[in-house]
Protein backbone atom coordinates (compact mmCIF):
# COMPACT_ATOMS: atom_id res chain seq x y z
CA UNK A 1 26.54 5.43 -29.70
CA UNK A 2 27.26 6.70 -26.17
CA UNK A 3 29.46 5.13 -23.59
CA UNK A 4 29.04 5.79 -19.90
CA UNK A 5 32.69 5.63 -18.95
CA UNK A 6 34.91 8.37 -17.65
CA UNK A 7 37.80 9.74 -19.66
CA UNK A 8 41.28 9.60 -18.23
CA UNK A 9 42.44 12.99 -17.00
CA UNK A 10 45.90 14.47 -16.88
CA UNK A 11 45.27 17.46 -14.58
CA UNK A 12 43.52 17.62 -11.23
CA UNK A 13 41.77 20.84 -12.24
CA UNK A 14 40.22 19.19 -15.27
CA UNK A 15 39.08 16.30 -13.07
CA UNK A 16 36.55 18.39 -11.15
CA UNK A 17 35.06 19.86 -14.33
CA UNK A 18 34.80 16.57 -16.18
CA UNK A 19 33.42 14.60 -13.24
CA UNK A 20 30.55 17.03 -12.84
CA UNK A 21 29.86 17.01 -16.56
CA UNK A 22 29.99 13.22 -16.72
CA UNK A 23 27.54 12.93 -13.83
CA UNK A 24 25.09 15.25 -15.51
CA UNK A 25 25.34 13.29 -18.74
CA UNK A 26 24.22 10.13 -16.94
CA UNK A 27 20.67 11.44 -16.63
CA UNK A 28 18.53 9.14 -14.53
CA UNK A 29 21.53 6.95 -13.76
CA UNK A 30 23.33 9.79 -11.97
CA UNK A 31 23.81 9.13 -8.27
CA UNK A 32 21.13 10.83 -6.27
CA UNK A 33 21.37 12.25 -2.80
CA UNK A 34 18.56 11.28 -0.50
CA UNK A 35 17.80 13.66 2.30
CA UNK A 36 15.46 12.23 4.88
CA UNK A 37 14.11 14.67 7.40
CA UNK A 38 11.19 13.93 9.61
CA UNK A 39 8.35 16.37 9.30
CA UNK A 40 6.95 16.90 12.82
CA UNK A 41 3.51 17.94 11.56
CA UNK A 42 3.22 14.85 9.40
CA UNK A 43 4.43 12.59 12.23
CA UNK A 44 1.89 14.14 14.61
CA UNK A 45 -0.91 13.64 12.10
CA UNK A 46 0.16 10.02 11.60
CA UNK A 47 0.27 9.37 15.35
CA UNK A 48 -3.17 10.95 15.70
CA UNK A 49 -4.48 8.58 13.02
CA UNK A 50 -3.01 5.64 14.88
CA UNK A 51 -4.71 6.87 18.02
CA UNK A 52 -8.15 6.45 16.43
CA UNK A 53 -7.96 2.96 14.97
CA UNK A 54 -10.84 0.65 15.78
CA UNK A 55 -11.25 -3.02 15.01
CA UNK A 56 -14.76 -3.69 13.74
CA UNK A 57 -16.35 -7.07 13.19
CA UNK A 58 -19.17 -7.94 10.84
CA UNK A 59 -20.93 -11.11 9.82
CA UNK A 60 -20.74 -11.12 6.03
CA UNK A 61 -24.03 -12.20 4.49
CA UNK A 62 -24.58 -10.39 1.18
CA UNK A 63 -23.45 -7.60 -1.13
CA UNK A 64 -25.37 -5.18 1.09
CA UNK A 65 -22.56 -5.47 3.66
CA UNK A 66 -19.93 -4.08 1.26
CA UNK A 67 -20.64 -0.34 1.88
CA UNK A 68 -20.15 -0.88 5.63
CA UNK A 69 -16.71 -2.41 5.03
CA UNK A 70 -15.72 0.35 2.59
CA UNK A 71 -16.80 3.08 5.03
CA UNK A 72 -14.82 1.52 7.86
CA UNK A 73 -11.69 1.28 5.70
CA UNK A 74 -12.18 4.88 4.59
CA UNK A 75 -12.27 5.89 8.27
CA UNK A 76 -9.02 4.01 8.92
CA UNK A 77 -10.47 1.08 10.85
CA UNK A 78 -9.62 -2.61 10.62
CA UNK A 79 -12.52 -4.92 9.71
CA UNK A 80 -12.78 -8.59 10.67
CA UNK A 81 -15.39 -10.38 8.58
CA UNK A 82 -17.10 -13.59 9.65
CA UNK A 83 -17.54 -15.58 6.42
CA UNK A 84 -18.66 -18.92 7.90
CA UNK A 85 -22.19 -18.59 6.49
CA UNK A 86 -20.89 -18.07 2.94
CA UNK A 87 -17.99 -20.52 3.18
CA UNK A 88 -20.05 -23.63 3.91
CA UNK A 89 -19.08 -25.60 0.79
CA UNK A 90 -22.19 -24.86 -1.30
CA UNK A 91 -21.41 -23.67 -4.81
CA UNK A 92 -23.94 -20.82 -4.77
CA UNK A 93 -22.62 -19.43 -1.48
CA UNK A 94 -19.04 -19.79 -2.68
CA UNK A 95 -19.80 -17.73 -5.81
CA UNK A 96 -21.54 -15.09 -3.68
CA UNK A 97 -18.49 -14.92 -1.39
CA UNK A 98 -16.14 -14.49 -4.36
CA UNK A 99 -18.38 -11.74 -5.74
CA UNK A 100 -18.43 -9.93 -2.38
CA UNK A 101 -14.65 -10.17 -1.98
CA UNK A 102 -14.08 -8.81 -5.48
CA UNK A 103 -16.48 -5.93 -4.80
CA UNK A 104 -14.69 -5.09 -1.54
CA UNK A 105 -11.31 -5.29 -3.29
CA UNK A 106 -12.52 -3.04 -6.11
CA UNK A 107 -14.09 -0.40 -3.90
CA UNK A 108 -11.17 -0.25 -1.45
CA UNK A 109 -8.47 -0.19 -4.14
CA UNK A 110 -8.33 3.61 -3.94
CA UNK A 111 -7.51 3.36 -0.24
CA UNK A 112 -4.78 0.74 -0.85
CA UNK A 113 -6.52 -1.65 1.52
CA UNK A 114 -5.19 -5.14 2.08
CA UNK A 115 -7.40 -8.22 2.29
CA UNK A 116 -6.34 -11.51 3.82
CA UNK A 117 -7.93 -14.76 4.88
CA UNK A 118 -7.25 -15.43 8.56
CA UNK A 119 -8.80 -18.91 8.58
CA UNK A 120 -11.71 -20.70 6.89
CA UNK A 121 -14.23 -18.59 8.77
CA UNK A 122 -12.59 -15.18 9.05
CA UNK A 123 -11.27 -12.55 6.67
CA UNK A 124 -9.49 -9.29 7.55
CA UNK A 125 -9.50 -6.00 5.64
CA UNK A 126 -6.98 -3.35 6.70
CA UNK A 127 -6.19 0.23 5.62
CA UNK A 128 -2.93 1.02 3.85
CA UNK A 129 -0.97 1.96 6.97
CA UNK A 130 -1.51 -1.49 8.53
CA UNK A 131 0.87 -4.09 7.12
CA UNK A 132 0.76 -7.86 7.56
């Protein structure tokens, strides 16, 4: 059985040796040093991506509209979907809407897209760098 406590030292010289050995014995629990430096190339690329964001709108009618949404998310655009036609209270349209949303969620999972309902008639799909 191992204990993760430090031994009491008598000398100051032994203290430096034992403290480094006790930190290495902690494994993943050892304190880590985080160095955060901004990479100018990465920041420039990110700003360039933000320069080219478009907001697209589409009236959602069937499963045939899913590839359009996926392509827009892949390109880094935000998509507003008008779902009023499918959200009219009819059971068949409601099932079709659920099926379309699940297909969009499944195909955009690799892009870490987020999907949210804005109101009863509008849904938004955003790329991973856009947070709600």
